[in-house]
Amino acid sequence: MPFYQFTITSDSVSARRKAEIAQAITETHCKVTGAPADYVNVSFVELGQGDLYLAGKPASGTRMVGLIRRRPEALKRELLLSLAQAWSSATGEPVKSVVMFLVEIPGYQAMENGVLLPDADGEQG
């Protein structure tokens, strides 16, 4: 169920390291949460120059929004820090170069294989 979407500029290191990032994010999510790799989704949306802004000015780099099922606060903190480190290791760029967000949803707001998912609290996956 987890869905990690990276918004990257075409001139970023992330644009050249998509496969490595996807692998690192998948491995990290599985390690921290216990989820099987078959459920971890990673996608990339590539933007051209002038399509990403920060403080009203053109920016470049990498942004990530991750949708996950509800988790305990400590696990979410560990997950976000670990995902940032995984991205950094995959790209060779410092953690301070990425902006990441985690958004949690109840299990029933996600569906896979035609089935609404259970909550993740207290279970692996």
PDB file of N, CA and C in Angstrom:
ATOM      1  N   MET A   1       0.791  -1.193   0.000  1.00  0.00           N
ATOM      2  CA  MET A   1       0.000   0.000   0.000  1.00  0.00           C
ATOM      3  C   MET A   1       0.834   1.257   0.000  1.00  0.00           C
ATOM      4  N   PRO A   2       1.954   1.308   0.677  1.00  0.00           N
ATOM      5  CA  PRO A   2       2.631   2.594   0.699  1.00  0.00           C
ATOM      6  C   PRO A   2       2.897   3.077  -0.720  1.00  0.00           C
ATOM      7  N   PHE A   3       2.729   4.377  -0.889  1.00  0.00           N
ATOM      8  CA  PHE A   3       2.937   4.991  -2.197  1.00  0.00           C
ATOM      9  C   PHE A   3       3.826   6.201  -2.002  1.00  0.00           C
ATOM     10  N   TYR A   4       5.020   6.124  -2.522  1.00  0.00           N
ATOM     11  CA  TYR A   4       5.991   7.198  -2.415  1.00  0.00           C
ATOM     12  C   TYR A   4       6.132   7.859  -3.783  1.00  0.00           C
ATOM     13  N   GLN A   5       5.739   9.120  -3.867  1.00  0.00           N
ATOM     14  CA  GLN A   5       5.840   9.836  -5.131  1.00  0.00           C
ATOM     15  C   GLN A   5       6.889  10.937  -5.009  1.00  0.00           C
ATOM     16  N   PHE A   6       7.869  10.862  -5.879  1.00  0.00           N
ATOM     17  CA  PHE A   6       8.933  11.851  -5.926  1.00  0.00           C
ATOM     18  C   PHE A   6       8.646  12.837  -7.053  1.00  0.00           C
ATOM     19  N   THR A   7       8.712  14.104  -6.738  1.00  0.00           N
ATOM     20  CA  THR A   7       8.658  15.161  -7.740  1.00  0.00           C
ATOM     21  C   THR A   7      10.092  15.649  -7.871  1.00  0.00           C
ATOM     22  N   ILE A   8      10.616  15.515  -9.068  1.00  0.00           N
ATOM     23  CA  ILE A   8      12.030  15.808  -9.297  1.00  0.00           C
ATOM     24  C   ILE A   8      12.177  16.748 -10.486  1.00  0.00           C
ATOM     25  N   THR A   9      13.180  17.571 -10.442  1.00  0.00           N
ATOM     26  CA  THR A   9      13.465  18.391 -11.607  1.00  0.00           C
ATOM     27  C   THR A   9      14.389  17.617 -12.532  1.00  0.00           C
ATOM     28  N   SER A  10      14.237  17.876 -13.824  1.00  0.00           N
ATOM     29  CA  SER A  10      14.970  17.087 -14.817  1.00  0.00           C
ATOM     30  C   SER A  10      16.476  17.227 -14.705  1.00  0.00           C
ATOM     31  N   ASP A  11      16.953  18.293 -14.067  1.00  0.00           N
ATOM     32  CA  ASP A  11      18.398  18.477 -13.925  1.00  0.00           C
ATOM     33  C   ASP A  11      18.937  17.962 -12.594  1.00  0.00           C
ATOM     34  N   SER A  12      18.103  17.277 -11.808  1.00  0.00           N
ATOM     35  CA  SER A  12      18.527  16.814 -10.480  1.00  0.00           C
ATOM     36  C   SER A  12      19.243  15.469 -10.554  1.00  0.00           C
ATOM     37  N   VAL A  13      20.015  15.191  -9.525  1.00  0.00           N
ATOM     38  CA  VAL A  13      20.662  13.882  -9.411  1.00  0.00           C
ATOM     39  C   VAL A  13      19.589  12.793  -9.333  1.00  0.00           C
ATOM     40  N   SER A  14      18.491  13.077  -8.649  1.00  0.00           N
ATOM     41  CA  SER A  14      17.411  12.095  -8.523  1.00  0.00           C
ATOM     42  C   SER A  14      16.893  11.651  -9.883  1.00  0.00           C
ATOM     43  N   ALA A  15      16.867  12.553 -10.854  1.00  0.00           N
ATOM     44  CA  ALA A  15      16.382  12.207 -12.198  1.00  0.00           C
ATOM     45  C   ALA A  15      17.282  11.155 -12.848  1.00  0.00           C
ATOM     46  N   ARG A  16      18.534  11.118 -12.459  1.00  0.00           N
ATOM     47  CA  ARG A  16      19.478  10.145 -13.025  1.00  0.00           C
ATOM     48  C   ARG A  16      19.592   8.874 -12.185  1.00  0.00           C
ATOM     49  N   ARG A  17      18.962   8.849 -11.008  1.00  0.00           N
ATOM     50  CA  ARG A  17      19.135   7.726 -10.083  1.00  0.00           C
ATOM     51  C   ARG A  17      17.798   7.108  -9.653  1.00  0.00           C
ATOM     52  N   LYS A  18      16.810   7.146 -10.514  1.00  0.00           N
ATOM     53  CA  LYS A  18      15.463   6.680 -10.165  1.00  0.00           C
ATOM     54  C   LYS A  18      15.448   5.235  -9.671  1.00  0.00           C
ATOM     55  N   ALA A  19      16.078   4.334 -10.395  1.00  0.00           N
ATOM     56  CA  ALA A  19      16.055   2.915 -10.003  1.00  0.00           C
ATOM     57  C   ALA A  19      16.709   2.709  -8.643  1.00  0.00           C
ATOM     58  N   GLU A  20      17.812   3.396  -8.403  1.00  0.00           N
ATOM     59  CA  GLU A  20      18.504   3.266  -7.123  1.00  0.00           C
ATOM     60  C   GLU A  20      17.657   3.825  -5.978  1.00  0.00           C
ATOM     61  N   ILE A  21      16.993   4.941  -6.238  1.00  0.00           N
ATOM     62  CA  ILE A  21      16.119   5.533  -5.221  1.00  0.00           C
ATOM     63  C   ILE A  21      14.951   4.598  -4.927  1.00  0.00           C
ATOM     64  N   ALA A  22      14.313   4.083  -5.962  1.00  0.00           N
ATOM     65  CA  ALA A  22      13.172   3.188  -5.767  1.00  0.00           C
ATOM     66  C   ALA A  22      13.567   1.964  -4.945  1.00  0.00           C
ATOM     67  N   GLN A  23      14.718   1.404  -5.232  1.00  0.00           N
ATOM     68  CA  GLN A  23      15.185   0.234  -4.479  1.00  0.00           C
ATOM     69  C   GLN A  23      15.462   0.591  -3.024  1.00  0.00           C
ATOM     70  N   ALA A  24      16.123   1.718  -2.805  1.00  0.00           N
ATOM     71  CA  ALA A  24      16.466   2.133  -1.443  1.00  0.00           C
ATOM     72  C   ALA A  24      15.214   2.446  -0.628  1.00  0.00           C
ATOM     73  N   ILE A  25      14.232   3.088  -1.236  1.00  0.00           N
ATOM     74  CA  ILE A  25      12.990   3.424  -0.537  1.00  0.00           C
ATOM     75  C   ILE A  25      12.223   2.150  -0.198  1.00  0.00           C
ATOM     76  N   THR A  26      12.151   1.226  -1.129  1.00  0.00           N
ATOM     77  CA  THR A  26      11.456  -0.045  -0.888  1.00  0.00           C
ATOM     78  C   THR A  26      12.117  -0.804   0.261  1.00  0.00           C
ATOM     79  N   GLU A  27      13.424  -0.948   0.201  1.00  0.00           N
ATOM     80  CA  GLU A  27      14.138  -1.673   1.257  1.00  0.00           C
ATOM     81  C   GLU A  27      13.947  -1.006   2.619  1.00  0.00           C
ATOM     82  N   THR A  28      13.989   0.302   2.638  1.00  0.00           N
ATOM     83  CA  THR A  28      13.840   1.033   3.902  1.00  0.00           C
ATOM     84  C   THR A  28      12.443   0.870   4.471  1.00  0.00           C
ATOM     85  N   HIS A  29      11.424   1.031   3.627  1.00  0.00           N
ATOM     86  CA  HIS A  29      10.054   0.875   4.117  1.00  0.00           C
ATOM     87  C   HIS A  29       9.864  -0.527   4.709  1.00  0.00           C
ATOM     88  N   CYS A  30      10.344  -1.529   4.016  1.00  0.00           N
ATOM     89  CA  CYS A  30      10.194  -2.912   4.486  1.00  0.00           C
ATOM     90  C   CYS A  30      10.938  -3.141   5.800  1.00  0.00           C
ATOM     91  N   LYS A  31      12.139  -2.619   5.903  1.00  0.00           N
ATOM     92  CA  LYS A  31      12.941  -2.797   7.116  1.00  0.00           C
ATOM     93  C   LYS A  31      12.267  -2.154   8.323  1.00  0.00           C
ATOM     94  N   VAL A  32      11.760  -0.939   8.146  1.00  0.00           N
ATOM     95  CA  VAL A  32      11.186  -0.206   9.267  1.00  0.00           C
ATOM     96  C   VAL A  32       9.800  -0.718   9.649  1.00  0.00           C
ATOM     97  N   THR A  33       8.976  -1.080   8.660  1.00  0.00           N
ATOM     98  CA  THR A  33       7.584  -1.449   8.943  1.00  0.00           C
ATOM     99  C   THR A  33       7.313  -2.945   8.946  1.00  0.00           C
ATOM    100  N   GLY A  34       8.174  -3.723   8.325  1.00  0.00           N
ATOM    101  CA  GLY A  34       7.926  -5.154   8.198  1.00  0.00           C
ATOM    102  C   GLY A  34       7.047  -5.519   7.015  1.00  0.00           C
ATOM    103  N   ALA A  35       6.701  -4.548   6.191  1.00  0.00           N
ATOM    104  CA  ALA A  35       5.845  -4.794   5.020  1.00  0.00           C
ATOM    105  C   ALA A  35       6.601  -5.594   3.965  1.00  0.00           C
ATOM    106  N   PRO A  36       5.876  -6.411   3.190  1.00  0.00           N
ATOM    107  CA  PRO A  36       6.523  -7.096   2.072  1.00  0.00           C
ATOM    108  C   PRO A  36       6.793  -6.118   0.924  1.00  0.00           C
ATOM    109  N   ALA A  37       7.873  -6.323   0.218  1.00  0.00           N
ATOM    110  CA  ALA A  37       8.272  -5.422  -0.868  1.00  0.00           C
ATOM    111  C   ALA A  37       7.224  -5.334  -1.970  1.00  0.00           C
ATOM    112  N   ASP A  38       6.452  -6.378  -2.162  1.00  0.00           N
ATOM    113  CA  ASP A  38       5.447  -6.401  -3.236  1.00  0.00           C
ATOM    114  C   ASP A  38       4.389  -5.315  -3.103  1.00  0.00           C
ATOM    115  N   TYR A  39       4.280  -4.700  -1.951  1.00  0.00           N
ATOM    116  CA  TYR A  39       3.255  -3.682  -1.733  1.00  0.00           C
ATOM    117  C   TYR A  39       3.786  -2.251  -1.791  1.00  0.00           C
ATOM    118  N   VAL A  40       5.095  -2.080  -1.924  1.00  0.00           N
ATOM    119  CA  VAL A  40       5.686  -0.737  -1.880  1.00  0.00           C
ATOM    120  C   VAL A  40       5.734  -0.148  -3.295  1.00  0.00           C
ATOM    121  N   ASN A  41       5.034   0.972  -3.464  1.00  0.00           N
ATOM    122  CA  ASN A  41       4.974   1.678  -4.744  1.00  0.00           C
ATOM    123  C   ASN A  41       5.857   2.919  -4.684  1.00  0.00           C
ATOM    124  N   VAL A  42       6.646   3.131  -5.735  1.00  0.00           N
ATOM    125  CA  VAL A  42       7.477   4.327  -5.840  1.00  0.00           C
ATOM    126  C   VAL A  42       7.301   4.871  -7.251  1.00  0.00           C
ATOM    127  N   SER A  43       6.989   6.168  -7.363  1.00  0.00           N
ATOM    128  CA  SER A  43       6.852   6.775  -8.686  1.00  0.00           C
ATOM    129  C   SER A  43       7.610   8.088  -8.731  1.00  0.00           C
ATOM    130  N   PHE A  44       7.852   8.541  -9.946  1.00  0.00           N
ATOM    131  CA  PHE A  44       8.592   9.776 -10.167  1.00  0.00           C
ATOM    132  C   PHE A  44       7.829  10.644 -11.153  1.00  0.00           C
ATOM    133  N   VAL A  45       7.689  11.912 -10.815  1.00  0.00           N
ATOM    134  CA  VAL A  45       7.135  12.909 -11.716  1.00  0.00           C
ATOM    135  C   VAL A  45       8.258  13.899 -11.980  1.00  0.00           C
ATOM    136  N   GLU A  46       8.638  13.991 -13.246  1.00  0.00           N
ATOM    137  CA  GLU A  46       9.765  14.838 -13.603  1.00  0.00           C
ATOM    138  C   GLU A  46       9.267  16.179 -14.137  1.00  0.00           C
ATOM    139  N   LEU A  47       9.802  17.252 -13.580  1.00  0.00           N
ATOM    140  CA  LEU A  47       9.413  18.601 -13.955  1.00  0.00           C
ATOM    141  C   LEU A  47      10.540  19.296 -14.713  1.00  0.00           C
ATOM    142  N   GLY A  48      10.155  20.172 -15.605  1.00  0.00           N
ATOM    143  CA  GLY A  48      11.134  20.963 -16.327  1.00  0.00           C
ATOM    144  C   GLY A  48      11.515  22.205 -15.543  1.00  0.00           C
ATOM    145  N   GLN A  49      12.472  22.940 -16.070  1.00  0.00           N
ATOM    146  CA  GLN A  49      12.895  24.193 -15.439  1.00  0.00           C
ATOM    147  C   GLN A  49      11.699  25.134 -15.358  1.00  0.00           C
ATOM    148  N   GLY A  50      11.530  25.773 -14.211  1.00  0.00           N
ATOM    149  CA  GLY A  50      10.441  26.713 -14.034  1.00  0.00           C
ATOM    150  C   GLY A  50       9.129  26.081 -13.617  1.00  0.00           C
ATOM    151  N   ASP A  51       9.125  24.781 -13.318  1.00  0.00           N
ATOM    152  CA  ASP A  51       7.896  24.092 -12.906  1.00  0.00           C
ATOM    153  C   ASP A  51       7.834  23.806 -11.414  1.00  0.00           C
ATOM    154  N   LEU A  52       8.884  24.082 -10.677  1.00  0.00           N
ATOM    155  CA  LEU A  52       8.911  23.895  -9.229  1.00  0.00           C
ATOM    156  C   LEU A  52       9.350  25.218  -8.604  1.00  0.00           C
ATOM    157  N   TYR A  53       8.597  25.635  -7.594  1.00  0.00           N
ATOM    158  CA  TYR A  53       8.872  26.914  -6.958  1.00  0.00           C
ATOM    159  C   TYR A  53       9.007  26.750  -5.459  1.00  0.00           C
ATOM    160  N   LEU A  54       9.843  27.591  -4.880  1.00  0.00           N
ATOM    161  CA  LEU A  54      10.005  27.675  -3.440  1.00  0.00           C
ATOM    162  C   LEU A  54      10.061  29.161  -3.097  1.00  0.00           C
ATOM    163  N   ALA A  55       9.206  29.591  -2.200  1.00  0.00           N
ATOM    164  CA  ALA A  55       9.115  30.998  -1.815  1.00  0.00           C
ATOM    165  C   ALA A  55       8.835  31.889  -3.023  1.00  0.00           C
ATOM    166  N   GLY A  56       8.070  31.352  -3.981  1.00  0.00           N
ATOM    167  CA  GLY A  56       7.697  32.121  -5.158  1.00  0.00           C
ATOM    168  C   GLY A  56       8.765  32.248  -6.215  1.00  0.00           C
ATOM    169  N   LYS A  57       9.870  31.513  -6.041  1.00  0.00           N
ATOM    170  CA  LYS A  57      10.973  31.587  -6.994  1.00  0.00           C
ATOM    171  C   LYS A  57      11.275  30.194  -7.538  1.00  0.00           C
ATOM    172  N   PRO A  58      11.713  30.106  -8.798  1.00  0.00           N
ATOM    173  CA  PRO A  58      12.045  28.801  -9.362  1.00  0.00           C
ATOM    174  C   PRO A  58      13.052  28.056  -8.481  1.00  0.00           C
ATOM    175  N   ALA A  59      12.813  26.772  -8.319  1.00  0.00           N
ATOM    176  CA  ALA A  59      13.682  25.925  -7.497  1.00  0.00           C
ATOM    177  C   ALA A  59      14.017  24.666  -8.280  1.00  0.00           C
ATOM    178  N   SER A  60      14.949  23.919  -7.764  1.00  0.00           N
ATOM    179  CA  SER A  60      15.264  22.612  -8.345  1.00  0.00           C
ATOM    180  C   SER A  60      15.419  21.631  -7.201  1.00  0.00           C
ATOM    181  N   GLY A  61      15.516  20.379  -7.534  1.00  0.00           N
ATOM    182  CA  GLY A  61      15.739  19.376  -6.505  1.00  0.00           C
ATOM    183  C   GLY A  61      14.661  18.326  -6.437  1.00  0.00           C
ATOM    184  N   THR A  62      14.474  17.778  -5.238  1.00  0.00           N
ATOM    185  CA  THR A  62      13.619  16.617  -5.037  1.00  0.00           C
ATOM    186  C   THR A  62      12.651  16.857  -3.891  1.00  0.00           C
ATOM    187  N   ARG A  63      11.399  16.481  -4.127  1.00  0.00           N
ATOM    188  CA  ARG A  63      10.362  16.497  -3.105  1.00  0.00           C
ATOM    189  C   ARG A  63       9.732  15.118  -3.096  1.00  0.00           C
ATOM    190  N   MET A  64       9.327  14.642  -1.920  1.00  0.00           N
ATOM    191  CA  MET A  64       8.667  13.342  -1.828  1.00  0.00           C
ATOM    192  C   MET A  64       7.445  13.450  -0.928  1.00  0.00           C
ATOM    193  N   VAL A  65       6.355  12.851  -1.377  1.00  0.00           N
ATOM    194  CA  VAL A  65       5.170  12.690  -0.548  1.00  0.00           C
ATOM    195  C   VAL A  65       4.924  11.193  -0.457  1.00  0.00           C
ATOM    196  N   GLY A  66       4.864  10.691   0.758  1.00  0.00           N
ATOM    197  CA  GLY A  66       4.619   9.273   0.978  1.00  0.00           C
ATOM    198  C   GLY A  66       3.274   9.065   1.652  1.00  0.00           C
ATOM    199  N   LEU A  67       2.426   8.258   1.046  1.00  0.00           N
ATOM    200  CA  LEU A  67       1.152   7.871   1.656  1.00  0.00           C
ATOM    201  C   LEU A  67       1.351   6.535   2.348  1.00  0.00           C
ATOM    202  N   ILE A  68       1.037   6.501   3.628  1.00  0.00           N
ATOM    203  CA  ILE A  68       1.179   5.265   4.403  1.00  0.00           C
ATOM    204  C   ILE A  68      -0.071   5.080   5.258  1.00  0.00           C
ATOM    205  N   ARG A  69      -0.306   3.847   5.668  1.00  0.00           N
ATOM    206  CA  ARG A  69      -1.390   3.608   6.629  1.00  0.00           C
ATOM    207  C   ARG A  69      -0.971   4.136   7.988  1.00  0.00           C
ATOM    208  N   ARG A  70      -1.965   4.401   8.836  1.00  0.00           N
ATOM    209  CA  ARG A  70      -1.694   4.933  10.185  1.00  0.00           C
ATOM    210  C   ARG A  70      -0.673   4.084  10.917  1.00  0.00           C
ATOM    211  N   ARG A  71       0.258   4.773  11.549  1.00  0.00           N
ATOM    212  CA  ARG A  71       1.332   4.115  12.304  1.00  0.00           C
ATOM    213  C   ARG A  71       1.578   4.880  13.594  1.00  0.00           C
ATOM    214  N   PRO A  72       2.192   4.243  14.570  1.00  0.00           N
ATOM    215  CA  PRO A  72       2.568   4.958  15.798  1.00  0.00           C
ATOM    216  C   PRO A  72       3.577   6.068  15.489  1.00  0.00           C
ATOM    217  N   GLU A  73       3.545   7.114  16.289  1.00  0.00           N
ATOM    218  CA  GLU A  73       4.396   8.277  16.054  1.00  0.00           C
ATOM    219  C   GLU A  73       5.876   7.907  15.985  1.00  0.00           C
ATOM    220  N   ALA A  74       6.339   7.081  16.872  1.00  0.00           N
ATOM    221  CA  ALA A  74       7.761   6.722  16.877  1.00  0.00           C
ATOM    222  C   ALA A  74       8.155   6.037  15.573  1.00  0.00           C
ATOM    223  N   LEU A  75       7.294   5.177  15.054  1.00  0.00           N
ATOM    224  CA  LEU A  75       7.601   4.486  13.802  1.00  0.00           C
ATOM    225  C   LEU A  75       7.628   5.474  12.653  1.00  0.00           C
ATOM    226  N   LYS A  76       6.710   6.433  12.628  1.00  0.00           N
ATOM    227  CA  LYS A  76       6.688   7.423  11.549  1.00  0.00           C
ATOM    228  C   LYS A  76       7.956   8.274  11.573  1.00  0.00           C
ATOM    229  N   ARG A  77       8.399   8.649  12.743  1.00  0.00           N
ATOM    230  CA  ARG A  77       9.641   9.426  12.850  1.00  0.00           C
ATOM    231  C   ARG A  77      10.827   8.612  12.320  1.00  0.00           C
ATOM    232  N   GLU A  78      10.914   7.374  12.773  1.00  0.00           N
ATOM    233  CA  GLU A  78      11.996   6.499  12.301  1.00  0.00           C
ATOM    234  C   GLU A  78      11.919   6.306  10.795  1.00  0.00           C
ATOM    235  N   LEU A  79      10.712   6.092  10.283  1.00  0.00           N
ATOM    236  CA  LEU A  79      10.536   5.863   8.854  1.00  0.00           C
ATOM    237  C   LEU A  79      10.980   7.079   8.049  1.00  0.00           C
ATOM    238  N   LEU A  80      10.542   8.258   8.424  1.00  0.00           N
ATOM    239  CA  LEU A  80      10.883   9.449   7.655  1.00  0.00           C
ATOM    240  C   LEU A  80      12.391   9.719   7.682  1.00  0.00           C
ATOM    241  N   LEU A  81      12.996   9.597   8.833  1.00  0.00           N
ATOM    242  CA  LEU A  81      14.447   9.786   8.921  1.00  0.00           C
ATOM    243  C   LEU A  81      15.197   8.734   8.099  1.00  0.00           C
ATOM    244  N   SER A  82      14.718   7.505   8.156  1.00  0.00           N
ATOM    245  CA  SER A  82      15.356   6.420   7.399  1.00  0.00           C
ATOM    246  C   SER A  82      15.169   6.592   5.894  1.00  0.00           C
ATOM    247  N   LEU A  83      13.988   7.053   5.470  1.00  0.00           N
ATOM    248  CA  LEU A  83      13.746   7.302   4.041  1.00  0.00           C
ATOM    249  C   LEU A  83      14.667   8.405   3.523  1.00  0.00           C
ATOM    250  N   ALA A  84      14.851   9.450   4.308  1.00  0.00           N
ATOM    251  CA  ALA A  84      15.745  10.535   3.894  1.00  0.00           C
ATOM    252  C   ALA A  84      17.170  10.028   3.754  1.00  0.00           C
ATOM    253  N   GLN A  85      17.599   9.201   4.689  1.00  0.00           N
ATOM    254  CA  GLN A  85      18.951   8.649   4.616  1.00  0.00           C
ATOM    255  C   GLN A  85      19.086   7.703   3.418  1.00  0.00           C
ATOM    256  N   ALA A  86      18.049   6.928   3.141  1.00  0.00           N
ATOM    257  CA  ALA A  86      18.075   6.021   1.986  1.00  0.00           C
ATOM    258  C   ALA A  86      18.195   6.818   0.688  1.00  0.00           C
ATOM    259  N   TRP A  87      17.431   7.891   0.583  1.00  0.00           N
ATOM    260  CA  TRP A  87      17.510   8.750  -0.600  1.00  0.00           C
ATOM    261  C   TRP A  87      18.926   9.327  -0.724  1.00  0.00           C
ATOM    262  N   SER A  88      19.468   9.805   0.373  1.00  0.00           N
ATOM    263  CA  SER A  88      20.797  10.381   0.368  1.00  0.00           C
ATOM    264  C   SER A  88      21.840   9.357  -0.078  1.00  0.00           C
ATOM    265  N   SER A  89      21.731   8.145   0.434  1.00  0.00           N
ATOM    266  CA  SER A  89      22.676   7.092   0.046  1.00  0.00           C
ATOM    267  C   SER A  89      22.552   6.746  -1.437  1.00  0.00           C
ATOM    268  N   ALA A  90      21.333   6.739  -1.950  1.00  0.00           N
ATOM    269  CA  ALA A  90      21.104   6.383  -3.356  1.00  0.00           C
ATOM    270  C   ALA A  90      21.576   7.475  -4.314  1.00  0.00           C
ATOM    271  N   THR A  91      21.529   8.723  -3.870  1.00  0.00           N
ATOM    272  CA  THR A  91      21.877   9.828  -4.764  1.00  0.00           C
ATOM    273  C   THR A  91      23.256  10.408  -4.512  1.00  0.00           C
ATOM    274  N   GLY A  92      23.783  10.195  -3.310  1.00  0.00           N
ATOM    275  CA  GLY A  92      25.047  10.810  -2.949  1.00  0.00           C
ATOM    276  C   GLY A  92      24.902  12.266  -2.529  1.00  0.00           C
ATOM    277  N   GLU A  93      23.652  12.734  -2.427  1.00  0.00           N
ATOM    278  CA  GLU A  93      23.396  14.108  -2.014  1.00  0.00           C
ATOM    279  C   GLU A  93      23.089  14.152  -0.523  1.00  0.00           C
ATOM    280  N   PRO A  94      23.327  15.298   0.116  1.00  0.00           N
ATOM    281  CA  PRO A  94      23.049  15.397   1.547  1.00  0.00           C
ATOM    282  C   PRO A  94      21.548  15.398   1.835  1.00  0.00           C
ATOM    283  N   VAL A  95      21.180  14.901   2.994  1.00  0.00           N
ATOM    284  CA  VAL A  95      19.776  14.837   3.416  1.00  0.00           C
ATOM    285  C   VAL A  95      19.125  16.212   3.350  1.00  0.00           C
ATOM    286  N   LYS A  96      19.882  17.250   3.613  1.00  0.00           N
ATOM    287  CA  LYS A  96      19.306  18.601   3.607  1.00  0.00           C
ATOM    288  C   LYS A  96      18.857  19.042   2.215  1.00  0.00           C
ATOM    289  N   SER A  97      19.186  18.264   1.177  1.00  0.00           N
ATOM    290  CA  SER A  97      18.814  18.616  -0.196  1.00  0.00           C
ATOM    291  C   SER A  97      17.445  18.085  -0.607  1.00  0.00           C
ATOM    292  N   VAL A  98      16.786  17.320   0.250  1.00  0.00           N
ATOM    293  CA  VAL A  98      15.481  16.745  -0.100  1.00  0.00           C
ATOM    294  C   VAL A  98      14.422  17.270   0.862  1.00  0.00           C
ATOM    295  N   VAL A  99      13.211  17.397   0.355  1.00  0.00           N
ATOM    296  CA  VAL A  99      12.058  17.753   1.174  1.00  0.00           C
ATOM    297  C   VAL A  99      11.125  16.553   1.132  1.00  0.00           C
ATOM    298  N   MET A 100      10.733  16.032   2.317  1.00  0.00           N
ATOM    299  CA  MET A 100       9.900  14.830   2.378  1.00  0.00           C
ATOM    300  C   MET A 100       8.724  15.031   3.317  1.00  0.00           C
ATOM    301  N   PHE A 101       7.608  14.441   2.947  1.00  0.00           N
ATOM    302  CA  PHE A 101       6.396  14.484   3.750  1.00  0.00           C
ATOM    303  C   PHE A 101       5.810  13.080   3.845  1.00  0.00           C
ATOM    304  N   LEU A 102       5.298  12.713   5.004  1.00  0.00           N
ATOM    305  CA  LEU A 102       4.521  11.482   5.156  1.00  0.00           C
ATOM    306  C   LEU A 102       3.085  11.875   5.458  1.00  0.00           C
ATOM    307  N   VAL A 103       2.165  11.250   4.773  1.00  0.00           N
ATOM    308  CA  VAL A 103       0.740  11.454   4.990  1.00  0.00           C
ATOM    309  C   VAL A 103       0.150  10.097   5.329  1.00  0.00           C
ATOM    310  N   GLU A 104      -0.499  10.014   6.488  1.00  0.00           N
ATOM    311  CA  GLU A 104      -1.064   8.722   6.867  1.00  0.00           C
ATOM    312  C   GLU A 104      -2.570   8.728   6.655  1.00  0.00           C
ATOM    313  N   ILE A 105      -3.062   7.559   6.306  1.00  0.00           N
ATOM    314  CA  ILE A 105      -4.486   7.373   6.080  1.00  0.00           C
ATOM    315  C   ILE A 105      -4.932   6.105   6.794  1.00  0.00           C
ATOM    316  N   PRO A 106      -6.223   6.007   7.149  1.00  0.00           N
ATOM    317  CA  PRO A 106      -6.712   4.743   7.686  1.00  0.00           C
ATOM    318  C   PRO A 106      -6.673   3.680   6.586  1.00  0.00           C
ATOM    319  N   GLY A 107      -6.517   2.443   6.966  1.00  0.00           N
ATOM    320  CA  GLY A 107      -6.425   1.366   5.991  1.00  0.00           C
ATOM    321  C   GLY A 107      -7.574   1.331   5.008  1.00  0.00           C
ATOM    322  N   TYR A 108      -8.789   1.597   5.476  1.00  0.00           N
ATOM    323  CA  TYR A 108      -9.949   1.488   4.601  1.00  0.00           C
ATOM    324  C   TYR A 108      -9.959   2.533   3.483  1.00  0.00           C
ATOM    325  N   GLN A 109      -9.060   3.516   3.540  1.00  0.00           N
ATOM    326  CA  GLN A 109      -8.976   4.502   2.468  1.00  0.00           C
ATOM    327  C   GLN A 109      -8.002   4.080   1.373  1.00  0.00           C
ATOM    328  N   ALA A 110      -7.570   2.832   1.422  1.00  0.00           N
ATOM    329  CA  ALA A 110      -6.713   2.279   0.375  1.00  0.00           C
ATOM    330  C   ALA A 110      -7.263   0.914  -0.018  1.00  0.00           C
ATOM    331  N   MET A 111      -7.117   0.589  -1.292  1.00  0.00           N
ATOM    332  CA  MET A 111      -7.599  -0.696  -1.773  1.00  0.00           C
ATOM    333  C   MET A 111      -6.527  -1.330  -2.646  1.00  0.00           C
ATOM    334  N   GLU A 112      -6.270  -2.592  -2.423  1.00  0.00           N
ATOM    335  CA  GLU A 112      -5.359  -3.373  -3.254  1.00  0.00           C
ATOM    336  C   GLU A 112      -5.990  -4.713  -3.519  1.00  0.00           C
ATOM    337  N   ASN A 113      -5.817  -5.209  -4.738  1.00  0.00           N
ATOM    338  CA  ASN A 113      -6.368  -6.506  -5.136  1.00  0.00           C
ATOM    339  C   ASN A 113      -7.859  -6.594  -4.854  1.00  0.00           C
ATOM    340  N   GLY A 114      -8.572  -5.459  -4.994  1.00  0.00           N
ATOM    341  CA  GLY A 114     -10.012  -5.435  -4.823  1.00  0.00           C
ATOM    342  C   GLY A 114     -10.494  -5.468  -3.383  1.00  0.00           C
ATOM    343  N   VAL A 115      -9.575  -5.289  -2.432  1.00  0.00           N
ATOM    344  CA  VAL A 115      -9.930  -5.392  -1.021  1.00  0.00           C
ATOM    345  C   VAL A 115      -9.502  -4.112  -0.293  1.00  0.00           C
ATOM    346  N   LEU A 116     -10.391  -3.582   0.560  1.00  0.00           N
ATOM    347  CA  LEU A 116     -10.010  -2.468   1.419  1.00  0.00           C
ATOM    348  C   LEU A 116      -9.004  -2.977   2.440  1.00  0.00           C
ATOM    349  N   LEU A 117      -7.973  -2.207   2.687  1.00  0.00           N
ATOM    350  CA  LEU A 117      -6.910  -2.657   3.581  1.00  0.00           C
ATOM    351  C   LEU A 117      -7.286  -2.428   5.043  1.00  0.00           C
ATOM    352  N   PRO A 118      -6.777  -3.285   5.913  1.00  0.00           N
ATOM    353  CA  PRO A 118      -6.972  -3.061   7.353  1.00  0.00           C
ATOM    354  C   PRO A 118      -6.027  -1.960   7.832  1.00  0.00           C
ATOM    355  N   ASP A 119      -6.266  -1.467   9.027  1.00  0.00           N
ATOM    356  CA  ASP A 119      -5.318  -0.526   9.625  1.00  0.00           C
ATOM    357  C   ASP A 119      -4.009  -1.240   9.870  1.00  0.00           C
ATOM    358  N   ALA A 120      -2.924  -0.506   9.851  1.00  0.00           N
ATOM    359  CA  ALA A 120      -1.599  -1.090  10.054  1.00  0.00           C
ATOM    360  C   ALA A 120      -1.226  -1.149  11.528  1.00  0.00           C
ATOM    361  N   ASP A 121      -1.881  -0.358  12.380  1.00  0.00           N
ATOM    362  CA  ASP A 121      -1.543  -0.353  13.805  1.00  0.00           C
ATOM    363  C   ASP A 121      -1.621  -1.766  14.373  1.00  0.00           C
ATOM    364  N   GLY A 122      -0.543  -2.164  14.995  1.00  0.00           N
ATOM    365  CA  GLY A 122      -0.530  -3.460  15.642  1.00  0.00           C
ATOM    366  C   GLY A 122      -0.348  -4.632  14.719  1.00  0.00           C
ATOM    367  N   GLU A 123      -0.086  -4.391  13.431  1.00  0.00           N
ATOM    368  CA  GLU A 123       0.130  -5.485  12.511  1.00  0.00           C
ATOM    369  C   GLU A 123       1.303  -5.170  11.611  1.00  0.00           C
ATOM    370  N   GLN A 124       1.862  -6.148  10.993  1.00  0.00           N
ATOM    371  CA  GLN A 124       2.929  -5.938  10.035  1.00  0.00           C
ATOM    372  C   GLN A 124       2.294  -5.689   8.681  1.00  0.00           C
ATOM    373  N   GLY A 125       2.976  -4.899   7.851  1.00  0.00           N
ATOM    374  CA  GLY A 125       2.492  -4.690   6.497  1.00  0.00           C
ATOM    375  C   GLY A 125       2.249  -3.269   6.165  1.00  0.00           C
TER     376      GLY A 125
END
